[in-house]
Amino acid sequence: MIDEEIKIIITRCLTNTDSKPDREKLNKWLNEPENQSIFNDFIEANYIVNYGVGEFNTEAEKQKVFDLIRENQTKTNKNRFRRILKYAAVFIGLIGLSYVYIELSNGVNSINDPEILDIDLVNEVIVEPGTDKAILTLGDGSQVALEKGTAYQTKNTVSDGEKIVYKDQKERSNIQEYNFLTIPRGGQYFVELSDGTQVWLNSESQIKFPVNFIEGETRIVELIYGEAYFDVSPSYLHKGSKFKVINQFQEIEVIGTKFNVSAYKDELDIYTTLVEGVVKVDNGVSNQNLEPNQQLVLNRDNNLFSLKQGVDVESIASWTRGVFSFNEGKSLKNIMKVISRWYDVDVVFMDKNLESVRFKGILKKQLSIDEVLSIMKSSTINSYELKDRTVILR
């Protein structure tokens, strides 16, 4: 963990407001080898992408890092970017720092020459990042738009527009009323169910759940499509009642745990990733128990499971914490699916070879799409156009 005082000093250094004692304290802290990796993690999580900071041997090397990050944070405006991007070749023998790592499908690393980039936007389209928004469909079929600045409240539900919480009703009924929560492209939302289970919903997702669970019976929630992260209230708090997440293709039985499910309509596979606890996944033919750091993949076509060991669960669930983490390296095709949902844009690849190019890094979700595309242009694509709400990659 990084000390709060060090966080403040780093921020001061990046904004040119640091004092001589600040720099002396930071230098002393960075001289400890274990603190250099902590510093790297902090920069990755808070300053756009993975910088891959190596060891610092001199004051000049440390200053170079701060200058680069500060430069990258400040040189941006709505319609035009002039961004000086430095790459590994520039820093060989200095600090071993790389801005973005990419890997072509044939295993050859490819990094463009450093240059000042001019990014022109067609039709001056400004595409902002997604926000907290959803459509709540009630039991009678009526709908409520949930978004920032719009409060909503009933006898058992309260929403400030950015999240919705269901209260556990003391007077229970044996007849369940169901609500639907639909997250459009360009949205995300948080819901706390009546049993205390917390659910984060990603863009282009829909979930069905009871307004109140029947005491002692299995608690069932349906992820109709999309992606959700569950932090399930444990069974011992509910007279041993199990918790299940179902969809058309599989059923996940939970005791009390944290896990991520991705079941997008345009994806062939359904991914269930366990963060902690235990779950059992059933596809109607066979079942599989999952342990933490395992991911189960269900192919919709052949209804077969495949198990992945040692997956980066923090990276997979990073979307719930305000970033998109591609630390394991993803193809540009898969990354642009994530981007298209969050920014509500369509993506067209004019050069199909680009689809297999791999990108590794961390992107803050609050970046504008212009900033995201400028990073991509600097490392993976030759050029792009943003026309209306369509991104054209070349």
Protein backbone atom coordinates (compact mmCIF):
# COMPACT_ATOMS: atom_id res chain seq x y z
CA MET A 1 0.00 0.00 0.00
CA ILE A 2 1.22 3.50 -0.79
CA ASP A 3 1.34 6.00 2.06
CA GLU A 4 -1.16 8.87 1.77
CA GLU A 5 1.58 11.45 2.31
CA ILE A 6 3.59 9.96 -0.57
CA LYS A 7 0.48 10.10 -2.80
CA ILE A 8 0.16 13.80 -2.05
CA ILE A 9 3.84 14.44 -2.75
CA ILE A 10 3.67 12.56 -6.08
CA THR A 11 0.66 14.65 -7.08
CA ARG A 12 2.53 17.83 -6.18
CA CYS A 13 5.52 16.72 -8.27
CA LEU A 14 3.27 16.08 -11.28
CA THR A 15 1.69 19.52 -10.98
CA ASN A 16 4.91 21.47 -10.35
CA THR A 17 3.78 22.46 -6.85
CA ASP A 18 6.30 20.38 -4.92
CA SER A 19 8.81 21.85 -2.51
CA LYS A 20 12.44 20.92 -1.92
CA PRO A 21 11.51 18.89 1.21
CA ASP A 22 8.83 17.10 -0.84
CA ARG A 23 11.37 16.04 -3.44
CA GLU A 24 13.91 14.99 -0.81
CA LYS A 25 11.31 12.84 0.94
CA LEU A 26 10.19 11.26 -2.33
CA ASN A 27 13.78 10.57 -3.38
CA LYS A 28 14.47 8.84 -0.08
CA TRP A 29 11.29 6.76 -0.47
CA LEU A 30 12.13 5.78 -4.07
CA ASN A 31 15.59 4.65 -3.06
CA GLU A 32 13.95 1.61 -1.48
CA PRO A 33 13.64 -1.01 -4.28
CA GLU A 34 10.23 -2.26 -3.14
CA ASN A 35 8.81 1.27 -3.34
CA GLN A 36 9.63 1.57 -7.04
CA SER A 37 7.07 -1.11 -7.92
CA ILE A 38 4.53 0.56 -5.61
CA PHE A 39 5.17 3.83 -7.45
CA ASN A 40 4.67 2.07 -10.78
CA ASP A 41 1.34 0.60 -9.65
CA PHE A 42 0.16 4.01 -8.46
CA ILE A 43 1.02 5.65 -11.78
CA GLU A 44 -0.72 2.85 -13.72
CA ALA A 45 -3.90 3.24 -11.70
CA ASN A 46 -4.07 7.04 -11.81
CA TYR A 47 -2.32 8.36 -14.91
CA ILE A 48 -3.90 6.92 -18.06
CA VAL A 49 -1.83 3.88 -19.03
CA ASN A 50 0.83 1.46 -17.92
CA TYR A 51 4.17 3.27 -18.01
CA GLY A 52 6.22 0.22 -17.06
CA VAL A 53 8.63 2.20 -14.89
CA GLY A 54 11.95 0.51 -14.36
CA GLU A 55 14.59 1.27 -11.75
CA PHE A 56 15.61 4.84 -10.93
CA ASN A 57 19.34 5.36 -10.58
CA THR A 58 19.68 9.13 -10.72
CA GLU A 59 17.69 12.25 -9.94
CA ALA A 60 17.55 13.00 -13.68
CA GLU A 61 15.88 9.67 -14.33
CA LYS A 62 13.17 10.38 -11.76
CA GLN A 63 12.65 13.87 -13.16
CA LYS A 64 12.25 12.40 -16.65
CA VAL A 65 9.36 10.25 -15.44
CA PHE A 66 7.56 13.17 -13.85
CA ASP A 67 8.11 15.38 -16.88
CA LEU A 68 6.68 12.74 -19.20
CA ILE A 69 3.57 12.06 -17.12
CA ARG A 70 2.96 15.75 -16.50
CA GLU A 71 3.30 16.46 -20.22
CA ASN A 72 0.87 13.69 -21.07
CA GLN A 73 -1.72 14.89 -18.54
CA THR A 74 -1.83 18.53 -19.59
CA LYS A 75 -1.45 18.72 -23.38
CA THR A 76 -4.98 18.00 -24.49
CA ASN A 77 -8.06 19.88 -25.65
CA LYS A 78 -11.44 19.00 -27.12
CA ASN A 79 -10.78 19.09 -30.84
CA ARG A 80 -7.07 18.80 -31.36
CA PHE A 81 -4.19 17.05 -29.61
CA ARG A 82 -0.51 17.69 -29.84
CA ARG A 83 0.95 14.94 -27.71
CA ILE A 84 4.64 14.12 -27.47
CA LEU A 85 4.76 10.40 -26.84
CA LYS A 86 8.04 8.87 -25.77
CA TYR A 87 8.80 5.20 -26.24
CA ALA A 88 11.17 2.56 -24.98
CA ALA A 89 13.83 3.32 -27.59
CA VAL A 90 14.12 6.88 -26.30
CA PHE A 91 14.73 5.75 -22.75
CA ILE A 92 17.12 2.83 -23.23
CA GLY A 93 19.99 3.57 -20.85
CA LEU A 94 17.91 6.16 -19.02
CA ILE A 95 15.06 4.63 -17.01
CA GLY A 96 13.81 1.61 -18.91
CA LEU A 97 10.40 3.25 -19.31
CA SER A 98 7.85 2.29 -21.95
CA TYR A 99 4.61 4.15 -22.60
CA VAL A 100 2.63 1.38 -24.27
CA TYR A 101 3.57 -2.22 -25.01
CA ILE A 102 2.04 -3.94 -28.04
CA GLU A 103 2.62 -7.32 -29.52
CA LEU A 104 1.78 -8.36 -33.06
CA SER A 105 0.17 -11.74 -33.57
CA ASN A 106 3.41 -13.15 -34.94
CA GLY A 107 5.20 -12.26 -31.72
CA VAL A 108 7.17 -9.27 -33.06
CA ASN A 109 7.09 -6.09 -30.98
CA SER A 110 6.31 -2.95 -32.93
CA ILE A 111 6.71 0.61 -31.69
CA ASN A 112 6.42 3.72 -33.84
CA ASP A 113 9.05 6.44 -33.90
CA PRO A 114 8.55 9.28 -31.41
CA GLU A 115 6.78 12.20 -33.02
CA ILE A 116 4.42 15.09 -32.38
CA LEU A 117 0.97 13.89 -33.37
CA ASP A 118 -1.81 16.03 -34.82
CA ILE A 119 -5.21 14.39 -34.36
CA ASP A 120 -7.94 15.85 -36.57
CA LEU A 121 -11.57 15.13 -35.75
CA VAL A 122 -13.99 14.83 -38.67
CA ASN A 123 -17.09 17.03 -38.22
CA GLU A 124 -15.74 18.12 -34.79
CA VAL A 125 -17.57 15.26 -33.07
CA ILE A 126 -17.06 15.20 -29.31
CA VAL A 127 -17.73 11.78 -27.79
CA GLU A 128 -17.67 11.82 -24.01
CA PRO A 129 -17.12 8.74 -21.83
CA GLY A 130 -20.03 6.80 -20.40
CA THR A 131 -21.93 7.73 -17.25
CA ASP A 132 -24.06 6.16 -14.53
CA LYS A 133 -27.45 5.61 -16.17
CA ALA A 134 -30.07 2.89 -16.50
CA ILE A 135 -33.71 2.16 -17.30
CA LEU A 136 -35.68 0.59 -14.45
CA THR A 137 -38.69 -1.47 -15.56
CA LEU A 138 -41.22 -2.07 -12.80
CA GLY A 139 -43.57 -5.00 -12.28
CA ASP A 140 -46.44 -3.22 -14.03
CA GLY A 141 -44.32 -2.55 -17.11
CA SER A 142 -43.77 1.15 -16.45
CA GLN A 143 -40.25 2.50 -16.81
CA VAL A 144 -38.12 4.98 -14.90
CA ALA A 145 -34.99 6.64 -16.27
CA LEU A 146 -32.21 6.62 -13.67
CA GLU A 147 -29.41 9.11 -14.17
CA LYS A 148 -27.38 11.70 -12.34
CA GLY A 149 -29.48 14.48 -10.87
CA THR A 150 -32.73 12.48 -10.96
CA ALA A 151 -33.85 11.02 -7.64
CA TYR A 152 -36.34 8.16 -7.38
CA GLN A 153 -37.92 6.68 -4.27
CA THR A 154 -40.67 4.23 -3.29
CA LYS A 155 -41.49 2.52 0.00
CA ASN A 156 -38.78 -0.10 -0.61
CA THR A 157 -36.47 1.56 -3.15
CA VAL A 158 -34.24 4.62 -3.12
CA SER A 159 -32.06 6.01 -5.91
CA ASP A 160 -29.96 9.15 -6.15
CA GLY A 161 -29.74 8.68 -9.91
CA GLU A 162 -26.28 7.11 -9.80
CA LYS A 163 -27.20 3.93 -7.90
CA ILE A 164 -30.32 2.18 -6.64
CA VAL A 165 -30.83 0.37 -3.33
CA TYR A 166 -33.65 -2.03 -2.48
CA LYS A 167 -34.69 -2.26 1.16
CA ASP A 168 -35.55 -5.57 2.76
CA GLN A 169 -39.30 -5.52 3.45
CA LYS A 170 -40.29 -6.76 6.90
CA GLU A 171 -43.75 -7.77 5.71
CA ARG A 172 -42.95 -10.45 3.16
CA SER A 173 -45.22 -11.89 0.49
CA ASN A 174 -45.07 -15.31 -1.14
CA ILE A 175 -45.74 -13.61 -4.48
CA GLN A 176 -42.61 -12.13 -6.02
CA GLU A 177 -42.59 -8.94 -8.05
CA TYR A 178 -39.73 -8.62 -10.53
CA ASN A 179 -37.89 -5.56 -11.77
CA PHE A 180 -35.57 -5.23 -14.76
CA LEU A 181 -32.54 -2.96 -14.87
CA THR A 182 -31.28 -2.19 -18.39
CA ILE A 183 -27.95 -0.45 -18.96
CA PRO A 184 -27.60 1.15 -22.41
CA ARG A 185 -24.42 1.58 -24.39
CA GLY A 186 -22.48 4.39 -22.80
CA GLY A 187 -23.71 3.52 -19.32
CA GLN A 188 -22.96 1.61 -16.14
CA TYR A 189 -24.91 1.18 -12.91
CA PHE A 190 -24.83 -0.15 -9.36
CA VAL A 191 -27.72 -1.89 -7.60
CA GLU A 192 -27.95 -3.27 -4.09
CA LEU A 193 -30.57 -6.02 -3.89
CA SER A 194 -32.92 -6.43 -0.94
CA ASP A 195 -30.73 -9.16 0.61
CA GLY A 196 -27.67 -6.88 0.60
CA THR A 197 -26.06 -8.41 -2.50
CA GLN A 198 -24.22 -5.75 -4.50
CA VAL A 199 -24.19 -5.82 -8.29
CA TRP A 200 -22.17 -3.66 -10.69
CA LEU A 201 -23.57 -3.65 -14.23
CA ASN A 202 -21.49 -2.80 -17.29
CA SER A 203 -22.60 -1.12 -20.51
CA GLU A 204 -25.18 -2.87 -22.69
CA SER A 205 -26.42 -5.20 -19.95
CA GLN A 206 -29.77 -6.27 -18.50
CA ILE A 207 -30.64 -8.00 -15.24
CA LYS A 208 -33.91 -9.34 -13.81
CA PHE A 209 -34.35 -9.64 -10.04
CA PRO A 210 -37.10 -9.83 -7.40
CA VAL A 211 -38.01 -6.70 -5.48
CA ASN A 212 -37.84 -8.87 -2.37
CA PHE A 213 -36.60 -12.42 -1.91
CA ILE A 214 -38.79 -15.07 -0.26
CA GLU A 215 -37.25 -15.98 3.07
CA GLY A 216 -35.60 -19.40 3.11
CA GLU A 217 -35.93 -19.99 -0.63
CA THR A 218 -33.14 -19.86 -3.20
CA ARG A 219 -32.40 -16.30 -4.26
CA ILE A 220 -32.43 -16.19 -8.08
CA VAL A 221 -31.23 -13.36 -10.32
CA GLU A 222 -31.14 -13.52 -14.12
CA LEU A 223 -28.37 -11.84 -16.10
CA ILE A 224 -30.25 -11.68 -19.39
CA TYR A 225 -27.23 -10.33 -21.28
CA GLY A 226 -24.12 -8.25 -20.76
CA GLU A 227 -21.63 -8.15 -17.90
CA ALA A 228 -22.06 -7.96 -14.13
CA TYR A 229 -19.88 -8.19 -11.05
CA PHE A 230 -21.53 -9.73 -7.97
CA ASP A 231 -20.63 -9.39 -4.29
CA VAL A 232 -23.15 -11.84 -2.84
CA SER A 233 -24.56 -11.61 0.66
CA PRO A 234 -23.62 -14.96 2.29
CA SER A 235 -26.13 -17.75 2.83
CA TYR A 236 -25.72 -17.87 6.62
CA LEU A 237 -27.35 -14.42 6.81
CA HIS A 238 -30.43 -15.76 5.01
CA LYS A 239 -31.22 -19.03 6.77
CA GLY A 240 -28.89 -20.93 4.46
CA SER A 241 -30.67 -19.91 1.26
CA LYS A 242 -28.52 -20.30 -1.84
CA PHE A 243 -27.96 -17.57 -4.42
CA LYS A 244 -28.12 -18.31 -8.15
CA VAL A 245 -27.31 -16.28 -11.24
CA ILE A 246 -28.96 -17.76 -14.32
CA ASN A 247 -29.17 -17.08 -18.01
CA GLN A 248 -30.29 -18.97 -21.09
CA PHE A 249 -27.14 -21.11 -21.20
CA GLN A 250 -25.92 -21.69 -17.66
CA GLU A 251 -26.68 -21.51 -13.95
CA ILE A 252 -24.24 -20.29 -11.30
CA GLU A 253 -24.82 -21.46 -7.74
CA VAL A 254 -23.29 -19.28 -5.05
CA ILE A 255 -22.79 -19.63 -1.33
CA GLY A 256 -21.37 -16.16 -0.69
CA THR A 257 -18.69 -14.82 -2.93
CA LYS A 258 -17.40 -12.27 -5.44
CA PHE A 259 -17.38 -13.07 -9.15
CA ASN A 260 -17.72 -11.56 -12.61
CA VAL A 261 -19.98 -12.83 -15.40
CA SER A 262 -19.69 -11.67 -19.02
CA ALA A 263 -22.45 -12.85 -21.34
CA TYR A 264 -22.74 -10.32 -24.16
CA LYS A 265 -25.12 -11.07 -27.00
CA ASP A 266 -22.45 -10.52 -29.65
CA GLU A 267 -19.94 -12.85 -27.95
CA LEU A 268 -19.78 -16.60 -28.65
CA ASP A 269 -18.47 -17.40 -25.17
CA ILE A 270 -19.77 -16.74 -21.65
CA TYR A 271 -17.05 -15.99 -19.08
CA THR A 272 -17.46 -16.67 -15.35
CA THR A 273 -14.51 -15.46 -13.26
CA LEU A 274 -14.22 -16.14 -9.53
CA VAL A 275 -12.56 -13.52 -7.31
CA GLU A 276 -13.19 -15.14 -3.94
CA GLY A 277 -15.35 -17.86 -2.41
CA VAL A 278 -16.83 -20.82 -4.29
CA VAL A 279 -19.33 -21.14 -7.16
CA LYS A 280 -20.72 -24.06 -9.13
CA VAL A 281 -21.60 -23.50 -12.79
CA ASP A 282 -24.11 -25.80 -14.50
CA ASN A 283 -24.87 -25.83 -18.24
CA GLY A 284 -27.61 -28.46 -18.05
CA VAL A 285 -25.27 -31.28 -19.08
CA SER A 286 -22.38 -31.00 -16.64
CA ASN A 287 -21.23 -28.76 -13.81
CA GLN A 288 -17.92 -27.30 -12.72
CA ASN A 289 -16.79 -25.89 -9.37
CA LEU A 290 -14.63 -22.78 -9.52
CA GLU A 291 -11.89 -21.66 -7.16
CA PRO A 292 -10.52 -18.11 -6.85
CA ASN A 293 -8.43 -16.93 -9.84
CA GLN A 294 -10.13 -19.41 -12.15
CA GLN A 295 -12.26 -18.57 -15.18
CA LEU A 296 -14.80 -20.88 -16.77
CA VAL A 297 -15.61 -20.33 -20.44
CA LEU A 298 -18.83 -21.73 -21.90
CA ASN A 299 -19.08 -22.00 -25.69
CA ARG A 300 -22.68 -21.31 -26.73
CA ASP A 301 -22.39 -23.36 -29.93
CA ASN A 302 -21.21 -26.69 -28.51
CA ASN A 303 -22.25 -26.12 -24.86
CA LEU A 304 -18.79 -27.17 -23.64
CA PHE A 305 -16.80 -25.75 -20.73
CA SER A 306 -13.12 -24.85 -20.73
CA LEU A 307 -11.27 -23.88 -17.55
CA LYS A 308 -8.53 -21.24 -17.29
CA GLN A 309 -6.19 -21.20 -14.30
CA GLY A 310 -4.45 -18.24 -12.68
CA VAL A 311 -6.29 -15.48 -14.51
CA ASP A 312 -5.77 -11.84 -13.53
CA VAL A 313 -9.06 -11.32 -11.69
CA GLU A 314 -8.18 -7.74 -10.73
CA SER A 315 -7.75 -6.86 -14.39
CA ILE A 316 -11.01 -8.57 -15.39
CA ALA A 317 -12.99 -6.74 -12.69
CA SER A 318 -11.17 -3.41 -13.17
CA TRP A 319 -14.16 -1.89 -15.00
CA THR A 320 -15.94 -1.69 -11.63
CA ARG A 321 -13.14 0.55 -10.29
CA GLY A 322 -13.07 3.21 -13.01
CA VAL A 323 -10.43 1.76 -15.35
CA PHE A 324 -10.09 -0.67 -18.22
CA SER A 325 -7.09 -2.90 -17.55
CA PHE A 326 -5.56 -4.87 -20.41
CA ASN A 327 -2.52 -6.08 -18.46
CA GLU A 328 -2.62 -9.54 -20.03
CA GLY A 329 -2.69 -8.06 -23.52
CA LYS A 330 -5.84 -8.13 -25.64
CA SER A 331 -6.43 -7.96 -29.36
CA LEU A 332 -7.47 -4.59 -30.72
CA LYS A 333 -10.69 -6.21 -31.97
CA ASN A 334 -11.70 -7.22 -28.44
CA ILE A 335 -10.58 -3.92 -26.94
CA MET A 336 -12.66 -1.94 -29.40
CA LYS A 337 -15.73 -3.94 -28.38
CA VAL A 338 -15.18 -2.65 -24.85
CA ILE A 339 -14.62 0.89 -26.14
CA SER A 340 -17.71 0.82 -28.38
CA ARG A 341 -19.99 -0.17 -25.50
CA TRP A 342 -18.64 2.40 -23.08
CA TYR A 343 -18.56 5.33 -25.50
CA ASP A 344 -21.63 4.22 -27.50
CA VAL A 345 -19.84 4.26 -30.85
CA ASP A 346 -19.54 1.87 -33.78
CA VAL A 347 -16.09 0.71 -34.90
CA VAL A 348 -15.01 -0.15 -38.45
CA PHE A 349 -11.63 -1.77 -39.24
CA MET A 350 -10.49 -0.72 -42.72
CA ASP A 351 -7.34 -2.82 -42.25
CA LYS A 352 -8.38 -6.26 -40.97
CA ASN A 353 -4.79 -6.99 -39.89
CA LEU A 354 -5.28 -4.47 -37.10
CA GLU A 355 -7.85 -6.69 -35.42
CA SER A 356 -5.16 -9.10 -34.21
CA VAL A 357 -2.70 -6.46 -32.95
CA ARG A 358 -2.34 -6.75 -29.18
CA PHE A 359 -2.37 -3.87 -26.73
CA LYS A 360 -1.24 -3.89 -23.10
CA GLY A 361 -2.01 -1.07 -20.71
CA ILE A 362 -4.51 0.63 -18.43
CA LEU A 363 -7.00 3.26 -19.57
CA LYS A 364 -9.02 5.43 -17.23
CA LYS A 365 -12.73 5.22 -18.07
CA GLN A 366 -13.13 8.98 -17.75
CA LEU A 367 -10.79 9.69 -20.67
CA SER A 368 -12.53 11.14 -23.69
CA ILE A 369 -12.59 8.87 -26.72
CA ASP A 370 -10.26 11.34 -28.43
CA GLU A 371 -7.60 10.65 -25.82
CA VAL A 372 -8.12 6.90 -26.11
CA LEU A 373 -7.82 6.98 -29.89
CA SER A 374 -4.72 9.16 -29.76
CA ILE A 375 -3.08 6.51 -27.57
CA MET A 376 -4.13 3.82 -30.04
CA LYS A 377 -2.85 5.88 -32.97
CA SER A 378 0.48 6.23 -31.24
CA SER A 379 0.98 2.50 -30.92
CA THR A 380 -1.37 0.25 -32.87
CA ILE A 381 -3.02 2.05 -35.79
CA ASN A 382 -1.83 4.30 -38.59
CA SER A 383 -4.78 6.68 -38.52
CA TYR A 384 -8.41 7.01 -37.56
CA GLU A 385 -11.49 9.08 -38.29
CA LEU A 386 -14.28 9.90 -35.88
CA LYS A 387 -17.32 10.52 -38.06
CA ASP A 388 -20.65 11.04 -36.36
CA ARG A 389 -20.55 8.17 -33.82
CA THR A 390 -18.44 5.83 -35.94
CA VAL A 391 -14.72 5.22 -35.41
CA ILE A 392 -12.90 4.23 -38.61
CA LEU A 393 -9.52 2.59 -38.02
CA ARG A 394 -6.80 2.28 -40.67
